C-alpha cells in the first residue's frame, strides 16, 4: 500500500500545540480512519525529537539527518500499520523552512523510509 507523509510545520504561537494535543488524544480514532500519528513512548505530543537533540535541558535543532534513527523507527512503525496516511508535526520544522535547512538529502531520507514512494 502506498503511503503519504504529511509534515505539519506549524509556526510557533499559531496553535500547533493545540492541533498536536487534539491529534494525540484522538490518535486511535484517527488510526481507524487510516491516519497514523505516533510520537513514541518518551515524547509528549509532537515530533520535536525527529529534528532536535536535548543539550542540558534545551532543545537544539540538529537536523533531519542526525536524527535518522528516530525517523526510521517512526516510519517503520507506520509502515507496519494499516494506515495510508502518516502525520508528523512539530513547530521546529518551521525553522528548517525559514532557514532553508530542508535539503534534498533530508527529503530523500524520509522518502526512502516509506515504501512505494
PDB file of N, CA and C in Angstrom:
ATOM      1  N   UNK A   1       0.845  -1.175   0.000  1.00  0.00           N
ATOM      2  CA  UNK A   1       0.000   0.000   0.000  1.00  0.00           C
ATOM      3  C   UNK A   1       0.893   1.242   0.000  1.00  0.00           C
ATOM      4  N   UNK A   2       0.621   2.140  -0.905  1.00  0.00           N
ATOM      5  CA  UNK A   2       1.367   3.386  -0.972  1.00  0.00           C
ATOM      6  C   UNK A   2       0.940   4.289   0.182  1.00  0.00           C
ATOM      7  N   UNK A   3       1.923   4.872   0.842  1.00  0.00           N
ATOM      8  CA  UNK A   3       1.641   5.732   1.992  1.00  0.00           C
ATOM      9  C   UNK A   3       1.995   7.170   1.657  1.00  0.00           C
ATOM     10  N   UNK A   4       1.274   8.081   2.272  1.00  0.00           N
ATOM     11  CA  UNK A   4       1.543   9.502   2.127  1.00  0.00           C
ATOM     12  C   UNK A   4       2.000  10.039   3.475  1.00  0.00           C
ATOM     13  N   UNK A   5       3.027  10.882   3.442  1.00  0.00           N
ATOM     14  CA  UNK A   5       3.532  11.507   4.667  1.00  0.00           C
ATOM     15  C   UNK A   5       3.157  12.982   4.628  1.00  0.00           C
ATOM     16  N   UNK A   6       2.486  13.427   5.685  1.00  0.00           N
ATOM     17  CA  UNK A   6       2.128  14.838   5.837  1.00  0.00           C
ATOM     18  C   UNK A   6       2.978  15.407   6.963  1.00  0.00           C
ATOM     19  N   UNK A   7       3.753  16.441   6.655  1.00  0.00           N
ATOM     20  CA  UNK A   7       4.591  17.072   7.668  1.00  0.00           C
ATOM     21  C   UNK A   7       4.000  18.431   7.997  1.00  0.00           C
ATOM     22  N   UNK A   8       3.468  18.538   9.205  1.00  0.00           N
ATOM     23  CA  UNK A   8       2.902  19.808   9.680  1.00  0.00           C
ATOM     24  C   UNK A   8       4.042  20.640  10.246  1.00  0.00           C
ATOM     25  N   UNK A   9       4.291  21.787   9.640  1.00  0.00           N
ATOM     26  CA  UNK A   9       5.422  22.623  10.035  1.00  0.00           C
ATOM     27  C   UNK A   9       4.958  23.874  10.765  1.00  0.00           C
ATOM     28  N   UNK A  10       3.907  23.769  11.527  1.00  0.00           N
ATOM     29  CA  UNK A  10       3.287  24.907  12.196  1.00  0.00           C
ATOM     30  C   UNK A  10       4.272  25.885  12.810  1.00  0.00           C
ATOM     31  N   UNK A  11       4.091  27.118  12.494  1.00  0.00           N
ATOM     32  CA  UNK A  11       4.922  28.179  13.071  1.00  0.00           C
ATOM     33  C   UNK A  11       4.622  28.281  14.570  1.00  0.00           C
ATOM     34  N   UNK A  12       5.630  28.643  15.356  1.00  0.00           N
ATOM     35  CA  UNK A  12       5.385  28.818  16.795  1.00  0.00           C
ATOM     36  C   UNK A  12       4.290  29.861  17.056  1.00  0.00           C
ATOM     37  N   UNK A  13       3.519  29.603  18.085  1.00  0.00           N
ATOM     38  CA  UNK A  13       2.459  30.509  18.551  1.00  0.00           C
ATOM     39  C   UNK A  13       1.321  30.679  17.544  1.00  0.00           C
ATOM     40  N   UNK A  14       1.046  29.618  16.764  1.00  0.00           N
ATOM     41  CA  UNK A  14      -0.068  29.676  15.821  1.00  0.00           C
ATOM     42  C   UNK A  14      -1.097  28.581  16.075  1.00  0.00           C
ATOM     43  N   UNK A  15      -1.014  27.945  17.236  1.00  0.00           N
ATOM     44  CA  UNK A  15      -1.980  26.917  17.586  1.00  0.00           C
ATOM     45  C   UNK A  15      -1.509  25.495  17.309  1.00  0.00           C
ATOM     46  N   UNK A  16      -0.250  25.334  16.940  1.00  0.00           N
ATOM     47  CA  UNK A  16       0.262  23.995  16.621  1.00  0.00           C
ATOM     48  C   UNK A  16       0.152  23.042  17.802  1.00  0.00           C
ATOM     49  N   UNK A  17       0.428  23.517  18.986  1.00  0.00           N
ATOM     50  CA  UNK A  17       0.363  22.655  20.164  1.00  0.00           C
ATOM     51  C   UNK A  17      -1.062  22.155  20.378  1.00  0.00           C
ATOM     52  N   UNK A  18      -2.036  23.007  20.143  1.00  0.00           N
ATOM     53  CA  UNK A  18      -3.440  22.586  20.275  1.00  0.00           C
ATOM     54  C   UNK A  18      -3.783  21.513  19.249  1.00  0.00           C
ATOM     55  N   UNK A  19      -3.300  21.680  18.034  1.00  0.00           N
ATOM     56  CA  UNK A  19      -3.534  20.681  16.990  1.00  0.00           C
ATOM     57  C   UNK A  19      -2.875  19.360  17.383  1.00  0.00           C
ATOM     58  N   UNK A  20      -1.624  19.434  17.837  1.00  0.00           N
ATOM     59  CA  UNK A  20      -0.905  18.227  18.244  1.00  0.00           C
ATOM     60  C   UNK A  20      -1.615  17.529  19.402  1.00  0.00           C
ATOM     61  N   UNK A  21      -2.080  18.304  20.354  1.00  0.00           N
ATOM     62  CA  UNK A  21      -2.777  17.743  21.506  1.00  0.00           C
ATOM     63  C   UNK A  21      -4.046  17.019  21.058  1.00  0.00           C
ATOM     64  N   UNK A  22      -4.818  17.639  20.184  1.00  0.00           N
ATOM     65  CA  UNK A  22      -6.057  17.040  19.684  1.00  0.00           C
ATOM     66  C   UNK A  22      -5.762  15.739  18.930  1.00  0.00           C
ATOM     67  N   UNK A  23      -4.780  15.795  18.028  1.00  0.00           N
ATOM     68  CA  UNK A  23      -4.439  14.596  17.258  1.00  0.00           C
ATOM     69  C   UNK A  23      -3.961  13.485  18.183  1.00  0.00           C
ATOM     70  N   UNK A  24      -3.132  13.855  19.152  1.00  0.00           N
ATOM     71  CA  UNK A  24      -2.597  12.866  20.084  1.00  0.00           C
ATOM     72  C   UNK A  24      -3.722  12.178  20.873  1.00  0.00           C
ATOM     73  N   UNK A  25      -4.645  12.978  21.380  1.00  0.00           N
ATOM     74  CA  UNK A  25      -5.760  12.414  22.150  1.00  0.00           C
ATOM     75  C   UNK A  25      -6.681  11.535  21.304  1.00  0.00           C
ATOM     76  N   UNK A  26      -6.728  11.806  20.012  1.00  0.00           N
ATOM     77  CA  UNK A  26      -7.629  11.083  19.108  1.00  0.00           C
ATOM     78  C   UNK A  26      -6.887  10.155  18.152  1.00  0.00           C
ATOM     79  N   UNK A  27      -5.637   9.816  18.478  1.00  0.00           N
ATOM     80  CA  UNK A  27      -4.812   9.024  17.565  1.00  0.00           C
ATOM     81  C   UNK A  27      -5.409   7.645  17.256  1.00  0.00           C
ATOM     82  N   UNK A  28      -6.081   7.029  18.214  1.00  0.00           N
ATOM     83  CA  UNK A  28      -6.669   5.713  17.947  1.00  0.00           C
ATOM     84  C   UNK A  28      -7.856   5.834  16.988  1.00  0.00           C
ATOM     85  N   UNK A  29      -8.684   6.847  17.181  1.00  0.00           N
ATOM     86  CA  UNK A  29      -9.806   7.076  16.256  1.00  0.00           C
ATOM     87  C   UNK A  29      -9.283   7.391  14.859  1.00  0.00           C
ATOM     88  N   UNK A  30      -8.220   8.190  14.808  1.00  0.00           N
ATOM     89  CA  UNK A  30      -7.640   8.541  13.511  1.00  0.00           C
ATOM     90  C   UNK A  30      -7.059   7.307  12.829  1.00  0.00           C
ATOM     91  N   UNK A  31      -6.428   6.437  13.614  1.00  0.00           N
ATOM     92  CA  UNK A  31      -5.851   5.216  13.042  1.00  0.00           C
ATOM     93  C   UNK A  31      -6.941   4.362  12.396  1.00  0.00           C
ATOM     94  N   UNK A  32      -8.099   4.318  13.021  1.00  0.00           N
ATOM     95  CA  UNK A  32      -9.212   3.556  12.437  1.00  0.00           C
ATOM     96  C   UNK A  32      -9.666   4.160  11.107  1.00  0.00           C
ATOM     97  N   UNK A  33      -9.341   5.417  10.899  1.00  0.00           N
ATOM     98  CA  UNK A  33      -9.693   6.096   9.641  1.00  0.00           C
ATOM     99  C   UNK A  33      -8.495   6.183   8.692  1.00  0.00           C
ATOM    100  N   UNK A  34      -7.410   5.463   9.039  1.00  0.00           N
ATOM    101  CA  UNK A  34      -6.274   5.394   8.125  1.00  0.00           C
ATOM    102  C   UNK A  34      -5.203   6.447   8.314  1.00  0.00           C
ATOM    103  N   UNK A  35      -5.212   7.139   9.459  1.00  0.00           N
ATOM    104  CA  UNK A  35      -4.224   8.190   9.720  1.00  0.00           C
ATOM    105  C   UNK A  35      -3.351   7.765  10.895  1.00  0.00           C
ATOM    106  N   UNK A  36      -2.047   7.661  10.656  1.00  0.00           N
ATOM    107  CA  UNK A  36      -1.085   7.243  11.671  1.00  0.00           C
ATOM    108  C   UNK A  36      -0.462   8.468  12.340  1.00  0.00           C
ATOM    109  N   UNK A  37      -0.505   8.496  13.668  1.00  0.00           N
ATOM    110  CA  UNK A  37       0.151   9.561  14.449  1.00  0.00           C
ATOM    111  C   UNK A  37       0.691   8.922  15.721  1.00  0.00           C
ATOM    112  N   UNK A  38       1.999   8.802  15.789  1.00  0.00           N
ATOM    113  CA  UNK A  38       2.639   8.202  16.952  1.00  0.00           C
ATOM    114  C   UNK A  38       3.892   9.004  17.257  1.00  0.00           C
ATOM    115  N   UNK A  39       4.038   9.427  18.493  1.00  0.00           N
ATOM    116  CA  UNK A  39       5.198  10.250  18.849  1.00  0.00           C
ATOM    117  C   UNK A  39       6.243   9.481  19.631  1.00  0.00           C
ATOM    118  N   UNK A  40       5.982   8.229  19.917  1.00  0.00           N
ATOM    119  CA  UNK A  40       6.943   7.438  20.678  1.00  0.00           C
ATOM    120  C   UNK A  40       6.604   7.441  22.155  1.00  0.00           C
ATOM    121  N   UNK A  41       7.280   6.601  22.882  1.00  0.00           N
ATOM    122  CA  UNK A  41       6.965   6.402  24.292  1.00  0.00           C
ATOM    123  C   UNK A  41       7.407   7.543  25.193  1.00  0.00           C
ATOM    124  N   UNK A  42       8.522   8.170  24.908  1.00  0.00           N
ATOM    125  CA  UNK A  42       9.057   9.187  25.825  1.00  0.00           C
ATOM    126  C   UNK A  42       8.744  10.608  25.387  1.00  0.00           C
ATOM    127  N   UNK A  43       8.036  10.770  24.288  1.00  0.00           N
ATOM    128  CA  UNK A  43       7.736  12.101  23.783  1.00  0.00           C
ATOM    129  C   UNK A  43       6.410  12.578  24.361  1.00  0.00           C
ATOM    130  N   UNK A  44       6.188  13.865  24.234  1.00  0.00           N
ATOM    131  CA  UNK A  44       4.905  14.397  24.689  1.00  0.00           C
ATOM    132  C   UNK A  44       3.892  14.217  23.577  1.00  0.00           C
ATOM    133  N   UNK A  45       3.660  15.224  22.776  1.00  0.00           N
ATOM    134  CA  UNK A  45       2.625  15.114  21.748  1.00  0.00           C
ATOM    135  C   UNK A  45       3.107  15.498  20.365  1.00  0.00           C
ATOM    136  N   UNK A  46       4.351  15.964  20.249  1.00  0.00           N
ATOM    137  CA  UNK A  46       4.852  16.392  18.947  1.00  0.00           C
ATOM    138  C   UNK A  46       6.037  15.526  18.528  1.00  0.00           C
ATOM    139  N   UNK A  47       6.572  15.822  17.377  1.00  0.00           N
ATOM    140  CA  UNK A  47       7.707  15.083  16.830  1.00  0.00           C
ATOM    141  C   UNK A  47       9.000  15.899  16.889  1.00  0.00           C
ATOM    142  N   UNK A  48       9.155  16.722  17.916  1.00  0.00           N
ATOM    143  CA  UNK A  48      10.360  17.541  18.041  1.00  0.00           C
ATOM    144  C   UNK A  48      11.618  16.686  18.070  1.00  0.00           C
ATOM    145  N   UNK A  49      11.502  15.471  18.608  1.00  0.00           N
ATOM    146  CA  UNK A  49      12.674  14.590  18.696  1.00  0.00           C
ATOM    147  C   UNK A  49      13.195  14.175  17.326  1.00  0.00           C
ATOM    148  N   UNK A  50      12.407  14.361  16.267  1.00  0.00           N
ATOM    149  CA  UNK A  50      12.855  13.991  14.933  1.00  0.00           C
ATOM    150  C   UNK A  50      13.777  15.036  14.330  1.00  0.00           C
ATOM    151  N   UNK A  51      13.877  16.167  14.966  1.00  0.00           N
ATOM    152  CA  UNK A  51      14.624  17.266  14.381  1.00  0.00           C
ATOM    153  C   UNK A  51      15.566  17.941  15.376  1.00  0.00           C
ATOM    154  N   UNK A  52      15.521  17.522  16.626  1.00  0.00           N
ATOM    155  CA  UNK A  52      16.314  18.209  17.645  1.00  0.00           C
ATOM    156  C   UNK A  52      16.981  17.226  18.590  1.00  0.00           C
ATOM    157  N   UNK A  53      17.913  17.750  19.347  1.00  0.00           N
ATOM    158  CA  UNK A  53      18.580  16.987  20.393  1.00  0.00           C
ATOM    159  C   UNK A  53      18.509  17.793  21.678  1.00  0.00           C
ATOM    160  N   UNK A  54      18.502  17.103  22.786  1.00  0.00           N
ATOM    161  CA  UNK A  54      18.491  17.788  24.071  1.00  0.00           C
ATOM    162  C   UNK A  54      19.920  18.072  24.489  1.00  0.00           C
ATOM    163  N   UNK A  55      20.175  19.299  24.898  1.00  0.00           N
ATOM    164  CA  UNK A  55      21.502  19.696  25.347  1.00  0.00           C
ATOM    165  C   UNK A  55      21.331  20.464  26.649  1.00  0.00           C
ATOM    166  N   UNK A  56      21.620  19.815  27.767  1.00  0.00           N
ATOM    167  CA  UNK A  56      21.443  20.442  29.084  1.00  0.00           C
ATOM    168  C   UNK A  56      20.027  20.959  29.291  1.00  0.00           C
ATOM    169  N   UNK A  57      19.057  20.201  28.811  1.00  0.00           N
ATOM    170  CA  UNK A  57      17.664  20.583  29.007  1.00  0.00           C
ATOM    171  C   UNK A  57      17.105  21.506  27.942  1.00  0.00           C
ATOM    172  N   UNK A  58      17.938  21.970  27.026  1.00  0.00           N
ATOM    173  CA  UNK A  58      17.480  22.846  25.953  1.00  0.00           C
ATOM    174  C   UNK A  58      17.489  22.069  24.645  1.00  0.00           C
ATOM    175  N   UNK A  59      16.480  22.308  23.835  1.00  0.00           N
ATOM    176  CA  UNK A  59      16.449  21.650  22.536  1.00  0.00           C
ATOM    177  C   UNK A  59      17.303  22.432  21.555  1.00  0.00           C
ATOM    178  N   UNK A  60      18.136  21.712  20.842  1.00  0.00           N
ATOM    179  CA  UNK A  60      18.913  22.315  19.766  1.00  0.00           C
ATOM    180  C   UNK A  60      18.453  21.690  18.468  1.00  0.00           C
ATOM    181  N   UNK A  61      18.228  22.520  17.470  1.00  0.00           N
ATOM    182  CA  UNK A  61      17.853  21.983  16.167  1.00  0.00           C
ATOM    183  C   UNK A  61      19.103  21.345  15.586  1.00  0.00           C
ATOM    184  N   UNK A  62      19.006  20.048  15.364  1.00  0.00           N
ATOM    185  CA  UNK A  62      20.183  19.285  14.969  1.00  0.00           C
ATOM    186  C   UNK A  62      20.136  18.842  13.517  1.00  0.00           C
ATOM    187  N   UNK A  63      18.986  18.863  12.918  1.00  0.00           N
ATOM    188  CA  UNK A  63      18.885  18.480  11.522  1.00  0.00           C
ATOM    189  C   UNK A  63      18.190  17.149  11.332  1.00  0.00           C
ATOM    190  N   UNK A  64      17.555  17.013  10.205  1.00  0.00           N
ATOM    191  CA  UNK A  64      16.830  15.789   9.909  1.00  0.00           C
ATOM    192  C   UNK A  64      17.765  14.598   9.820  1.00  0.00           C
ATOM    193  N   UNK A  65      18.926  14.787   9.225  1.00  0.00           N
ATOM    194  CA  UNK A  65      19.853  13.685   9.028  1.00  0.00           C
ATOM    195  C   UNK A  65      20.403  13.115  10.318  1.00  0.00           C
ATOM    196  N   UNK A  66      20.688  13.963  11.290  1.00  0.00           N
ATOM    197  CA  UNK A  66      21.291  13.471  12.530  1.00  0.00           C
ATOM    198  C   UNK A  66      20.305  12.650  13.338  1.00  0.00           C
ATOM    199  N   UNK A  67      19.054  12.798  13.087  1.00  0.00           N
ATOM    200  CA  UNK A  67      18.032  12.037  13.798  1.00  0.00           C
ATOM    201  C   UNK A  67      17.477  10.920  12.919  1.00  0.00           C
ATOM    202  N   UNK A  68      18.300  10.436  12.036  1.00  0.00           N
ATOM    203  CA  UNK A  68      17.864   9.419  11.076  1.00  0.00           C
ATOM    204  C   UNK A  68      17.291   8.184  11.760  1.00  0.00           C
ATOM    205  N   UNK A  69      17.909   7.742  12.844  1.00  0.00           N
ATOM    206  CA  UNK A  69      17.416   6.549  13.548  1.00  0.00           C
ATOM    207  C   UNK A  69      15.997   6.769  14.072  1.00  0.00           C
ATOM    208  N   UNK A  70      15.727   7.964  14.600  1.00  0.00           N
ATOM    209  CA  UNK A  70      14.379   8.262  15.118  1.00  0.00           C
ATOM    210  C   UNK A  70      13.359   8.255  13.979  1.00  0.00           C
ATOM    211  N   UNK A  71      13.724   8.839  12.835  1.00  0.00           N
ATOM    212  CA  UNK A  71      12.830   8.815  11.669  1.00  0.00           C
ATOM    213  C   UNK A  71      12.550   7.383  11.252  1.00  0.00           C
ATOM    214  N   UNK A  72      13.603   6.582  11.177  1.00  0.00           N
ATOM    215  CA  UNK A  72      13.426   5.206  10.715  1.00  0.00           C
ATOM    216  C   UNK A  72      12.548   4.407  11.671  1.00  0.00           C
ATOM    217  N   UNK A  73      12.694   4.603  12.989  1.00  0.00           N
ATOM    218  CA  UNK A  73      11.833   3.906  13.960  1.00  0.00           C
ATOM    219  C   UNK A  73      10.381   4.295  13.758  1.00  0.00           C
ATOM    220  N   UNK A  74      10.132   5.596  13.629  1.00  0.00           N
ATOM    221  CA  UNK A  74       8.756   6.069  13.447  1.00  0.00           C
ATOM    222  C   UNK A  74       8.158   5.521  12.164  1.00  0.00           C
ATOM    223  N   UNK A  75       8.899   5.630  11.060  1.00  0.00           N
ATOM    224  CA  UNK A  75       8.346   5.219   9.777  1.00  0.00           C
ATOM    225  C   UNK A  75       8.221   3.704   9.664  1.00  0.00           C
ATOM    226  N   UNK A  76       9.084   2.965  10.337  1.00  0.00           N
ATOM    227  CA  UNK A  76       8.941   1.511  10.360  1.00  0.00           C
ATOM    228  C   UNK A  76       7.632   1.126  11.049  1.00  0.00           C
ATOM    229  N   UNK A  77       7.360   1.789  12.172  1.00  0.00           N
ATOM    230  CA  UNK A  77       6.110   1.534  12.888  1.00  0.00           C
ATOM    231  C   UNK A  77       4.903   1.916  12.015  1.00  0.00           C
ATOM    232  N   UNK A  78       5.016   3.046  11.328  1.00  0.00           N
ATOM    233  CA  UNK A  78       3.930   3.494  10.450  1.00  0.00           C
ATOM    234  C   UNK A  78       3.728   2.518   9.299  1.00  0.00           C
ATOM    235  N   UNK A  79       4.825   2.013   8.755  1.00  0.00           N
ATOM    236  CA  UNK A  79       4.728   1.075   7.634  1.00  0.00           C
ATOM    237  C   UNK A  79       4.059  -0.230   8.032  1.00  0.00           C
ATOM    238  N   UNK A  80       4.190  -0.615   9.291  1.00  0.00           N
ATOM    239  CA  UNK A  80       3.556  -1.846   9.767  1.00  0.00           C
ATOM    240  C   UNK A  80       2.089  -1.629  10.165  1.00  0.00           C
ATOM    241  N   UNK A  81       1.653  -0.394  10.132  1.00  0.00           N
ATOM    242  CA  UNK A  81       0.254  -0.115  10.438  1.00  0.00           C
ATOM    243  C   UNK A  81      -0.575  -0.283   9.165  1.00  0.00           C
ATOM    244  N   UNK A  82      -1.880  -0.274   9.320  1.00  0.00           N
ATOM    245  CA  UNK A  82      -2.773  -0.341   8.168  1.00  0.00           C
ATOM    246  C   UNK A  82      -3.121   1.041   7.634  1.00  0.00           C
ATOM    247  N   UNK A  83      -2.467   2.045   8.162  1.00  0.00           N
ATOM    248  CA  UNK A  83      -2.786   3.426   7.788  1.00  0.00           C
ATOM    249  C   UNK A  83      -2.106   3.807   6.470  1.00  0.00           C
ATOM    250  N   UNK A  84      -2.831   4.556   5.663  1.00  0.00           N
ATOM    251  CA  UNK A  84      -2.286   5.052   4.406  1.00  0.00           C
ATOM    252  C   UNK A  84      -1.635   6.414   4.562  1.00  0.00           C
ATOM    253  N   UNK A  85      -2.021   7.135   5.604  1.00  0.00           N
ATOM    254  CA  UNK A  85      -1.506   8.491   5.812  1.00  0.00           C
ATOM    255  C   UNK A  85      -0.698   8.534   7.105  1.00  0.00           C
ATOM    256  N   UNK A  86       0.433   9.229   7.053  1.00  0.00           N
ATOM    257  CA  UNK A  86       1.310   9.393   8.207  1.00  0.00           C
ATOM    258  C   UNK A  86       1.411  10.891   8.481  1.00  0.00           C
ATOM    259  N   UNK A  87       1.085  11.291   9.705  1.00  0.00           N
ATOM    260  CA  UNK A  87       1.162  12.709  10.077  1.00  0.00           C
ATOM    261  C   UNK A  87       2.318  12.893  11.051  1.00  0.00           C
ATOM    262  N   UNK A  88       3.158  13.881  10.747  1.00  0.00           N
ATOM    263  CA  UNK A  88       4.287  14.253  11.596  1.00  0.00           C
ATOM    264  C   UNK A  88       4.140  15.743  11.865  1.00  0.00           C
ATOM    265  N   UNK A  89       4.308  16.156  13.131  1.00  0.00           N
ATOM    266  CA  UNK A  89       4.070  17.552  13.474  1.00  0.00           C
ATOM    267  C   UNK A  89       5.063  18.072  14.504  1.00  0.00           C
ATOM    268  N   UNK A  90       5.652  19.219  14.195  1.00  0.00           N
ATOM    269  CA  UNK A  90       6.496  19.929  15.154  1.00  0.00           C
ATOM    270  C   UNK A  90       6.706  21.365  14.681  1.00  0.00           C
ATOM    271  N   UNK A  91       6.645  22.280  15.618  1.00  0.00           N
ATOM    272  CA  UNK A  91       6.934  23.678  15.302  1.00  0.00           C
ATOM    273  C   UNK A  91       8.385  23.841  14.851  1.00  0.00           C
ATOM    274  N   UNK A  92       9.246  22.947  15.293  1.00  0.00           N
ATOM    275  CA  UNK A  92      10.660  23.066  14.922  1.00  0.00           C
ATOM    276  C   UNK A  92      10.892  22.881  13.430  1.00  0.00           C
ATOM    277  N   UNK A  93       9.972  22.215  12.735  1.00  0.00           N
ATOM    278  CA  UNK A  93      10.130  22.075  11.291  1.00  0.00           C
ATOM    279  C   UNK A  93      10.101  23.439  10.602  1.00  0.00           C
ATOM    280  N   UNK A  94       9.368  24.390  11.170  1.00  0.00           N
ATOM    281  CA  UNK A  94       9.293  25.715  10.543  1.00  0.00           C
ATOM    282  C   UNK A  94      10.653  26.399  10.527  1.00  0.00           C
ATOM    283  N   UNK A  95      11.514  26.097  11.478  1.00  0.00           N
ATOM    284  CA  UNK A  95      12.865  26.675  11.467  1.00  0.00           C
ATOM    285  C   UNK A  95      13.628  26.208  10.241  1.00  0.00           C
ATOM    286  N   UNK A  96      13.367  24.979   9.832  1.00  0.00           N
ATOM    287  CA  UNK A  96      14.025  24.478   8.638  1.00  0.00           C
ATOM    288  C   UNK A  96      13.552  25.199   7.398  1.00  0.00           C
ATOM    289  N   UNK A  97      12.251  25.421   7.318  1.00  0.00           N
ATOM    290  CA  UNK A  97      11.717  26.121   6.162  1.00  0.00           C
ATOM    291  C   UNK A  97      12.237  27.554   6.139  1.00  0.00           C
ATOM    292  N   UNK A  98      12.185  28.226   7.274  1.00  0.00           N
ATOM    293  CA  UNK A  98      12.624  29.619   7.336  1.00  0.00           C
ATOM    294  C   UNK A  98      14.104  29.790   7.075  1.00  0.00           C
ATOM    295  N   UNK A  99      14.904  28.814   7.481  1.00  0.00           N
ATOM    296  CA  UNK A  99      16.356  28.921   7.308  1.00  0.00           C
ATOM    297  C   UNK A  99      16.875  28.058   6.171  1.00  0.00           C
ATOM    298  N   UNK A 100      15.970  27.520   5.371  1.00  0.00           N
ATOM    299  CA  UNK A 100      16.329  26.716   4.200  1.00  0.00           C
ATOM    300  C   UNK A 100      17.205  25.522   4.552  1.00  0.00           C
ATOM    301  N   UNK A 101      16.966  24.906   5.706  1.00  0.00           N
ATOM    302  CA  UNK A 101      17.732  23.734   6.103  1.00  0.00           C
ATOM    303  C   UNK A 101      17.167  22.443   5.527  1.00  0.00           C
ATOM    304  N   UNK A 102      15.988  22.500   4.936  1.00  0.00           N
ATOM    305  CA  UNK A 102      15.452  21.294   4.324  1.00  0.00           C
ATOM    306  C   UNK A 102      16.181  21.108   3.004  1.00  0.00           C
ATOM    307  N   UNK A 103      16.876  20.006   2.904  1.00  0.00           N
ATOM    308  CA  UNK A 103      17.677  19.719   1.722  1.00  0.00           C
ATOM    309  C   UNK A 103      17.078  18.527   0.977  1.00  0.00           C
ATOM    310  N   UNK A 104      17.533  18.342  -0.224  1.00  0.00           N
ATOM    311  CA  UNK A 104      17.104  17.173  -0.996  1.00  0.00           C
ATOM    312  C   UNK A 104      17.485  15.897  -0.254  1.00  0.00           C
ATOM    313  N   UNK A 105      18.625  15.902   0.412  1.00  0.00           N
ATOM    314  CA  UNK A 105      19.061  14.730   1.188  1.00  0.00           C
ATOM    315  C   UNK A 105      18.071  14.421   2.308  1.00  0.00           C
ATOM    316  N   UNK A 106      17.580  15.455   2.987  1.00  0.00           N
ATOM    317  CA  UNK A 106      16.604  15.257   4.061  1.00  0.00           C
ATOM    318  C   UNK A 106      15.306  14.662   3.523  1.00  0.00           C
ATOM    319  N   UNK A 107      14.858  15.176   2.404  1.00  0.00           N
ATOM    320  CA  UNK A 107      13.627  14.676   1.798  1.00  0.00           C
ATOM    321  C   UNK A 107      13.810  13.222   1.372  1.00  0.00           C
ATOM    322  N   UNK A 108      14.954  12.904   0.778  1.00  0.00           N
ATOM    323  CA  UNK A 108      15.216  11.526   0.343  1.00  0.00           C
ATOM    324  C   UNK A 108      15.290  10.567   1.528  1.00  0.00           C
ATOM    325  N   UNK A 109      15.797  11.038   2.658  1.00  0.00           N
ATOM    326  CA  UNK A 109      15.852  10.223   3.874  1.00  0.00           C
ATOM    327  C   UNK A 109      14.442   9.785   4.264  1.00  0.00           C
ATOM    328  N   UNK A 110      13.522  10.728   4.268  1.00  0.00           N
ATOM    329  CA  UNK A 110      12.139  10.431   4.648  1.00  0.00           C
ATOM    330  C   UNK A 110      11.486   9.543   3.578  1.00  0.00           C
ATOM    331  N   UNK A 111      11.643   9.916   2.311  1.00  0.00           N
ATOM    332  CA  UNK A 111      11.035   9.134   1.239  1.00  0.00           C
ATOM    333  C   UNK A 111      11.569   7.712   1.221  1.00  0.00           C
ATOM    334  N   UNK A 112      12.852   7.556   1.487  1.00  0.00           N
ATOM    335  CA  UNK A 112      13.463   6.228   1.447  1.00  0.00           C
ATOM    336  C   UNK A 112      12.953   5.310   2.529  1.00  0.00           C
ATOM    337  N   UNK A 113      12.454   5.865   3.600  1.00  0.00           N
ATOM    338  CA  UNK A 113      11.952   5.060   4.718  1.00  0.00           C
ATOM    339  C   UNK A 113      10.485   4.682   4.550  1.00  0.00           C
ATOM    340  N   UNK A 114       9.834   5.228   3.532  1.00  0.00           N
ATOM    341  CA  UNK A 114       8.425   4.916   3.286  1.00  0.00           C
ATOM    342  C   UNK A 114       8.344   4.127   1.972  1.00  0.00           C
ATOM    343  N   UNK A 115       7.917   2.877   2.032  1.00  0.00           N
ATOM    344  CA  UNK A 115       7.852   2.051   0.825  1.00  0.00           C
ATOM    345  C   UNK A 115       6.949   2.630  -0.261  1.00  0.00           C
ATOM    346  N   UNK A 116       7.291   2.317  -1.483  1.00  0.00           N
ATOM    347  CA  UNK A 116       6.487   2.692  -2.666  1.00  0.00           C
ATOM    348  C   UNK A 116       6.427   4.182  -2.890  1.00  0.00           C
ATOM    349  N   UNK A 117       7.374   4.965  -2.369  1.00  0.00           N
ATOM    350  CA  UNK A 117       7.359   6.414  -2.603  1.00  0.00           C
ATOM    351  C   UNK A 117       8.592   6.822  -3.360  1.00  0.00           C
TER     352      UNK A 117
END
